[in-house]
Amino acid sequence: MRAHKIDVQLNTDAPEPPLTIEAKEALYRIGLEAIQNTIKHASATRIELSLRTENGYVWLEVKDNGQGFDPAAKFSGHFGLQSMRERAEQFEGLFKIESKPNNGTVVRVRMPVNGD
């Protein structure tokens, strides 16, 4: 992220989450969209990525120190947040976004691990 002058910190407890390949791809796409949104809109200088497995779930968190926004606001022609939510829900996951103007943004996703 050097080109964007954003410091990235990665925290993970396992090299690969115990998910189906389809769920892994969805989680990857959600994380990518969250990072792209930070680059495009947040004016952030730091992103913290966290991936962990806990109590039968895989958790992804993407947190930035950017300008934040009102998550309840509607952004005409922008479907990224809705797309992230739909990807998580497709795998019985939970999608949550927390943000306030001038206070950064946190995207959290929880997906159940494989049942097998």
N, C-alpha and C. Protein backbone atom coordinates (compact mmCIF):
# COMPACT_ATOMS: atom_id res chain seq x y z
N MET A 1 0.83 -1.19 0.00
CA MET A 1 0.00 0.00 0.00
C MET A 1 0.87 1.25 0.00
N ARG A 2 2.13 1.05 -0.28
CA ARG A 2 3.07 2.16 -0.29
C ARG A 2 2.64 3.27 -1.24
N ALA A 3 2.10 2.91 -2.40
CA ALA A 3 1.69 3.91 -3.39
C ALA A 3 0.60 4.82 -2.84
N HIS A 4 -0.20 4.31 -1.92
CA HIS A 4 -1.29 5.10 -1.34
C HIS A 4 -0.91 5.71 0.01
N LYS A 5 0.31 5.47 0.44
CA LYS A 5 0.81 5.96 1.73
C LYS A 5 -0.09 5.53 2.89
N ILE A 6 -0.44 4.24 2.85
CA ILE A 6 -1.25 3.65 3.90
C ILE A 6 -0.45 2.52 4.55
N ASP A 7 -0.31 2.58 5.86
CA ASP A 7 0.36 1.53 6.62
C ASP A 7 -0.65 0.42 6.87
N VAL A 8 -0.27 -0.82 6.60
CA VAL A 8 -1.17 -1.96 6.78
C VAL A 8 -0.60 -2.89 7.83
N GLN A 9 -1.45 -3.26 8.78
CA GLN A 9 -1.07 -4.22 9.81
C GLN A 9 -1.96 -5.44 9.67
N LEU A 10 -1.37 -6.63 9.65
CA LEU A 10 -2.11 -7.88 9.53
C LEU A 10 -1.96 -8.68 10.82
N ASN A 11 -3.08 -9.10 11.37
CA ASN A 11 -3.10 -9.96 12.55
C ASN A 11 -3.92 -11.19 12.20
N THR A 12 -3.32 -12.37 12.36
CA THR A 12 -4.04 -13.60 12.07
C THR A 12 -3.58 -14.71 13.01
N ASP A 13 -4.49 -15.64 13.31
CA ASP A 13 -4.13 -16.75 14.18
C ASP A 13 -3.94 -18.05 13.41
N ALA A 14 -4.18 -18.02 12.11
CA ALA A 14 -4.03 -19.23 11.30
C ALA A 14 -3.74 -18.84 9.86
N PRO A 15 -2.95 -19.65 9.15
CA PRO A 15 -2.61 -19.30 7.78
C PRO A 15 -3.80 -19.37 6.82
N GLU A 16 -4.75 -20.25 7.10
CA GLU A 16 -5.89 -20.37 6.19
C GLU A 16 -7.14 -20.72 7.00
N PRO A 17 -8.21 -19.96 6.81
CA PRO A 17 -9.42 -20.22 7.60
C PRO A 17 -10.10 -21.52 7.17
N PRO A 18 -10.72 -22.24 8.12
CA PRO A 18 -11.39 -23.51 7.81
C PRO A 18 -12.77 -23.28 7.18
N LEU A 19 -12.77 -22.82 5.92
CA LEU A 19 -13.99 -22.54 5.18
C LEU A 19 -13.96 -23.27 3.84
N THR A 20 -15.12 -23.41 3.22
CA THR A 20 -15.15 -23.94 1.86
C THR A 20 -14.45 -22.94 0.95
N ILE A 21 -14.04 -23.40 -0.22
CA ILE A 21 -13.36 -22.52 -1.17
C ILE A 21 -14.27 -21.35 -1.56
N GLU A 22 -15.56 -21.62 -1.67
CA GLU A 22 -16.51 -20.56 -2.03
C GLU A 22 -16.63 -19.51 -0.92
N ALA A 23 -16.67 -19.96 0.32
CA ALA A 23 -16.74 -19.03 1.44
C ALA A 23 -15.45 -18.24 1.57
N LYS A 24 -14.31 -18.90 1.32
CA LYS A 24 -13.03 -18.19 1.35
C LYS A 24 -13.00 -17.08 0.30
N GLU A 25 -13.50 -17.40 -0.89
CA GLU A 25 -13.53 -16.38 -1.95
C GLU A 25 -14.43 -15.22 -1.56
N ALA A 26 -15.58 -15.51 -0.97
CA ALA A 26 -16.48 -14.45 -0.53
C ALA A 26 -15.80 -13.57 0.52
N LEU A 27 -15.13 -14.20 1.48
CA LEU A 27 -14.44 -13.46 2.52
C LEU A 27 -13.33 -12.59 1.92
N TYR A 28 -12.59 -13.16 0.96
CA TYR A 28 -11.55 -12.41 0.26
C TYR A 28 -12.15 -11.19 -0.45
N ARG A 29 -13.26 -11.39 -1.15
CA ARG A 29 -13.89 -10.29 -1.89
C ARG A 29 -14.40 -9.20 -0.95
N ILE A 30 -14.93 -9.60 0.19
CA ILE A 30 -15.38 -8.62 1.18
C ILE A 30 -14.21 -7.80 1.68
N GLY A 31 -13.12 -8.48 2.04
CA GLY A 31 -11.93 -7.77 2.51
C GLY A 31 -11.37 -6.84 1.45
N LEU A 32 -11.32 -7.30 0.21
CA LEU A 32 -10.81 -6.48 -0.89
C LEU A 32 -11.67 -5.24 -1.09
N GLU A 33 -12.99 -5.41 -1.06
CA GLU A 33 -13.89 -4.27 -1.22
C GLU A 33 -13.71 -3.26 -0.08
N ALA A 34 -13.56 -3.77 1.14
CA ALA A 34 -13.36 -2.88 2.29
C ALA A 34 -12.06 -2.08 2.13
N ILE A 35 -11.00 -2.73 1.68
CA ILE A 35 -9.72 -2.04 1.47
C ILE A 35 -9.84 -1.03 0.34
N GLN A 36 -10.49 -1.42 -0.75
CA GLN A 36 -10.66 -0.49 -1.87
C GLN A 36 -11.49 0.73 -1.45
N ASN A 37 -12.52 0.52 -0.63
CA ASN A 37 -13.31 1.65 -0.14
C ASN A 37 -12.45 2.58 0.71
N THR A 38 -11.58 2.00 1.52
CA THR A 38 -10.68 2.83 2.33
C THR A 38 -9.78 3.67 1.44
N ILE A 39 -9.21 3.05 0.42
CA ILE A 39 -8.31 3.77 -0.48
C ILE A 39 -9.06 4.90 -1.20
N LYS A 40 -10.25 4.60 -1.71
CA LYS A 40 -11.00 5.56 -2.52
C LYS A 40 -11.62 6.70 -1.71
N HIS A 41 -12.11 6.39 -0.51
CA HIS A 41 -12.99 7.34 0.17
C HIS A 41 -12.53 7.83 1.54
N ALA A 42 -11.63 7.11 2.21
CA ALA A 42 -11.42 7.37 3.63
C ALA A 42 -10.33 8.37 3.97
N SER A 43 -9.41 8.62 3.05
CA SER A 43 -8.23 9.45 3.37
C SER A 43 -7.51 8.90 4.60
N ALA A 44 -7.42 7.60 4.68
CA ALA A 44 -6.80 6.94 5.84
C ALA A 44 -5.29 6.84 5.65
N THR A 45 -4.60 6.70 6.77
CA THR A 45 -3.16 6.46 6.75
C THR A 45 -2.82 5.08 7.31
N ARG A 46 -3.85 4.37 7.82
CA ARG A 46 -3.61 3.06 8.44
C ARG A 46 -4.82 2.15 8.23
N ILE A 47 -4.52 0.89 7.92
CA ILE A 47 -5.53 -0.16 7.85
C ILE A 47 -5.05 -1.31 8.71
N GLU A 48 -5.94 -1.83 9.55
CA GLU A 48 -5.64 -3.02 10.35
C GLU A 48 -6.55 -4.14 9.86
N LEU A 49 -5.93 -5.23 9.41
CA LEU A 49 -6.66 -6.42 8.98
C LEU A 49 -6.50 -7.49 10.05
N SER A 50 -7.60 -8.08 10.44
CA SER A 50 -7.55 -9.14 11.44
C SER A 50 -8.35 -10.32 10.91
N LEU A 51 -7.77 -11.51 10.97
CA LEU A 51 -8.45 -12.74 10.56
C LEU A 51 -8.18 -13.77 11.65
N ARG A 52 -9.26 -14.27 12.25
CA ARG A 52 -9.08 -15.24 13.33
C ARG A 52 -10.23 -16.24 13.33
N THR A 53 -9.98 -17.37 13.95
CA THR A 53 -10.99 -18.39 14.13
C THR A 53 -11.27 -18.49 15.62
N GLU A 54 -12.56 -18.41 15.96
CA GLU A 54 -12.93 -18.41 17.38
C GLU A 54 -14.35 -18.94 17.55
N ASN A 55 -14.53 -19.90 18.46
CA ASN A 55 -15.84 -20.42 18.81
C ASN A 55 -16.67 -20.86 17.61
N GLY A 56 -16.04 -21.54 16.66
CA GLY A 56 -16.76 -22.06 15.51
C GLY A 56 -17.02 -21.07 14.39
N TYR A 57 -16.37 -19.92 14.45
CA TYR A 57 -16.55 -18.89 13.43
C TYR A 57 -15.20 -18.36 12.95
N VAL A 58 -15.19 -17.91 11.72
CA VAL A 58 -14.06 -17.15 11.19
C VAL A 58 -14.47 -15.69 11.21
N TRP A 59 -13.62 -14.86 11.77
CA TRP A 59 -13.88 -13.42 11.89
C TRP A 59 -12.89 -12.65 11.02
N LEU A 60 -13.40 -11.74 10.22
CA LEU A 60 -12.58 -10.81 9.45
C LEU A 60 -12.93 -9.41 9.92
N GLU A 61 -11.91 -8.63 10.21
CA GLU A 61 -12.12 -7.23 10.58
C GLU A 61 -11.17 -6.36 9.77
N VAL A 62 -11.71 -5.33 9.16
CA VAL A 62 -10.93 -4.34 8.42
C VAL A 62 -11.23 -3.00 9.06
N LYS A 63 -10.21 -2.41 9.66
CA LYS A 63 -10.38 -1.17 10.42
C LYS A 63 -9.45 -0.11 9.85
N ASP A 64 -9.98 1.11 9.66
CA ASP A 64 -9.12 2.19 9.19
C ASP A 64 -9.25 3.41 10.10
N ASN A 65 -8.31 4.33 9.94
CA ASN A 65 -8.32 5.55 10.74
C ASN A 65 -8.73 6.75 9.88
N GLY A 66 -9.55 6.50 8.88
CA GLY A 66 -9.95 7.54 7.93
C GLY A 66 -11.04 8.45 8.44
N GLN A 67 -11.63 9.16 7.49
CA GLN A 67 -12.60 10.20 7.82
C GLN A 67 -13.97 9.66 8.23
N GLY A 68 -14.23 8.38 8.00
CA GLY A 68 -15.51 7.81 8.40
C GLY A 68 -16.66 8.36 7.58
N PHE A 69 -17.85 7.85 7.87
CA PHE A 69 -19.06 8.27 7.17
C PHE A 69 -20.27 7.78 7.95
N ASP A 70 -21.45 8.16 7.50
CA ASP A 70 -22.68 7.70 8.11
C ASP A 70 -23.14 6.44 7.38
N PRO A 71 -23.04 5.26 7.99
CA PRO A 71 -23.41 4.02 7.30
C PRO A 71 -24.88 3.96 6.90
N ALA A 72 -25.73 4.75 7.53
CA ALA A 72 -27.15 4.75 7.18
C ALA A 72 -27.44 5.59 5.94
N ALA A 73 -26.48 6.39 5.51
CA ALA A 73 -26.68 7.25 4.34
C ALA A 73 -26.73 6.40 3.07
N LYS A 74 -27.49 6.86 2.10
CA LYS A 74 -27.59 6.19 0.81
C LYS A 74 -26.64 6.86 -0.17
N PHE A 75 -25.87 6.05 -0.90
CA PHE A 75 -24.92 6.56 -1.87
C PHE A 75 -25.34 6.06 -3.25
N SER A 76 -25.97 6.92 -4.01
CA SER A 76 -26.49 6.57 -5.32
C SER A 76 -25.39 6.00 -6.22
N GLY A 77 -25.68 4.84 -6.82
CA GLY A 77 -24.74 4.23 -7.75
C GLY A 77 -23.62 3.45 -7.09
N HIS A 78 -23.60 3.37 -5.76
CA HIS A 78 -22.57 2.63 -5.04
C HIS A 78 -23.21 1.39 -4.41
N PHE A 79 -22.67 0.23 -4.73
CA PHE A 79 -23.26 -1.02 -4.25
C PHE A 79 -22.29 -1.85 -3.42
N GLY A 80 -21.14 -1.31 -3.08
CA GLY A 80 -20.11 -2.06 -2.38
C GLY A 80 -20.54 -2.59 -1.03
N LEU A 81 -21.16 -1.75 -0.21
CA LEU A 81 -21.58 -2.20 1.12
C LEU A 81 -22.64 -3.29 1.01
N GLN A 82 -23.60 -3.09 0.13
CA GLN A 82 -24.65 -4.09 -0.07
C GLN A 82 -24.06 -5.40 -0.59
N SER A 83 -23.11 -5.30 -1.50
CA SER A 83 -22.44 -6.48 -2.05
C SER A 83 -21.72 -7.26 -0.95
N MET A 84 -21.03 -6.54 -0.06
CA MET A 84 -20.32 -7.21 1.04
C MET A 84 -21.31 -7.94 1.94
N ARG A 85 -22.42 -7.28 2.26
CA ARG A 85 -23.44 -7.88 3.12
C ARG A 85 -24.00 -9.15 2.47
N GLU A 86 -24.33 -9.07 1.18
CA GLU A 86 -24.90 -10.22 0.48
C GLU A 86 -23.92 -11.38 0.42
N ARG A 87 -22.65 -11.10 0.21
CA ARG A 87 -21.64 -12.17 0.17
C ARG A 87 -21.57 -12.88 1.52
N ALA A 88 -21.58 -12.13 2.60
CA ALA A 88 -21.52 -12.74 3.93
C ALA A 88 -22.77 -13.58 4.19
N GLU A 89 -23.93 -13.02 3.89
CA GLU A 89 -25.19 -13.71 4.17
C GLU A 89 -25.35 -14.97 3.31
N GLN A 90 -24.73 -15.00 2.15
CA GLN A 90 -24.79 -16.17 1.28
C GLN A 90 -24.22 -17.40 1.98
N PHE A 91 -23.33 -17.19 2.94
CA PHE A 91 -22.70 -18.29 3.67
C PHE A 91 -23.10 -18.27 5.15
N GLU A 92 -24.33 -17.81 5.40
CA GLU A 92 -24.87 -17.73 6.76
C GLU A 92 -23.99 -16.88 7.67
N GLY A 93 -23.35 -15.89 7.08
CA GLY A 93 -22.47 -15.01 7.83
C GLY A 93 -23.18 -13.75 8.29
N LEU A 94 -22.47 -13.01 9.09
CA LEU A 94 -22.95 -11.74 9.63
C LEU A 94 -22.03 -10.64 9.14
N PHE A 95 -22.59 -9.54 8.68
CA PHE A 95 -21.82 -8.39 8.21
C PHE A 95 -22.24 -7.19 9.03
N LYS A 96 -21.25 -6.47 9.54
CA LYS A 96 -21.53 -5.28 10.35
C LYS A 96 -20.53 -4.20 9.99
N ILE A 97 -21.00 -2.98 9.90
CA ILE A 97 -20.10 -1.86 9.65
C ILE A 97 -20.36 -0.79 10.71
N GLU A 98 -19.27 -0.28 11.26
CA GLU A 98 -19.35 0.79 12.25
C GLU A 98 -18.51 1.95 11.75
N SER A 99 -19.10 3.12 11.72
CA SER A 99 -18.38 4.29 11.26
C SER A 99 -19.11 5.54 11.72
N LYS A 100 -18.34 6.58 11.93
CA LYS A 100 -18.88 7.90 12.23
C LYS A 100 -18.00 8.90 11.50
N PRO A 101 -18.58 10.00 11.05
CA PRO A 101 -17.74 11.02 10.43
C PRO A 101 -16.58 11.41 11.34
N ASN A 102 -15.39 11.50 10.76
CA ASN A 102 -14.14 11.87 11.46
C ASN A 102 -13.69 10.84 12.49
N ASN A 103 -14.15 9.59 12.36
CA ASN A 103 -13.82 8.59 13.38
C ASN A 103 -13.46 7.22 12.81
N GLY A 104 -13.13 7.14 11.53
CA GLY A 104 -12.72 5.86 10.96
C GLY A 104 -13.88 4.91 10.72
N THR A 105 -13.54 3.74 10.20
CA THR A 105 -14.55 2.73 9.85
C THR A 105 -14.03 1.35 10.24
N VAL A 106 -14.95 0.51 10.70
CA VAL A 106 -14.63 -0.88 11.00
C VAL A 106 -15.65 -1.76 10.27
N VAL A 107 -15.16 -2.67 9.44
CA VAL A 107 -16.00 -3.67 8.78
C VAL A 107 -15.73 -5.00 9.48
N ARG A 108 -16.79 -5.65 9.95
CA ARG A 108 -16.66 -6.94 10.63
C ARG A 108 -17.52 -7.98 9.91
N VAL A 109 -16.92 -9.14 9.70
CA VAL A 109 -17.63 -10.25 9.07
C VAL A 109 -17.39 -11.50 9.92
N ARG A 110 -18.47 -12.24 10.15
CA ARG A 110 -18.38 -13.50 10.88
C ARG A 110 -19.01 -14.58 10.01
N MET A 111 -18.25 -15.66 9.77
CA MET A 111 -18.77 -16.79 8.99
C MET A 111 -18.56 -18.08 9.78
N PRO A 112 -19.56 -18.97 9.75
CA PRO A 112 -19.37 -20.25 10.45
C PRO A 112 -18.34 -21.11 9.73
N VAL A 113 -17.54 -21.85 10.51
CA VAL A 113 -16.55 -22.74 9.91
C VAL A 113 -17.26 -23.93 9.28
N ASN A 114 -16.53 -24.69 8.48
CA ASN A 114 -17.10 -25.87 7.82
C ASN A 114 -17.69 -26.81 8.84
N GLY A 115 -18.80 -27.41 8.49
CA GLY A 115 -19.45 -28.34 9.39
C GLY A 115 -18.87 -29.74 9.34
N ASP A 116 -17.89 -29.96 8.44
CA ASP A 116 -17.38 -31.33 8.33
C ASP A 116 -16.07 -31.54 9.01
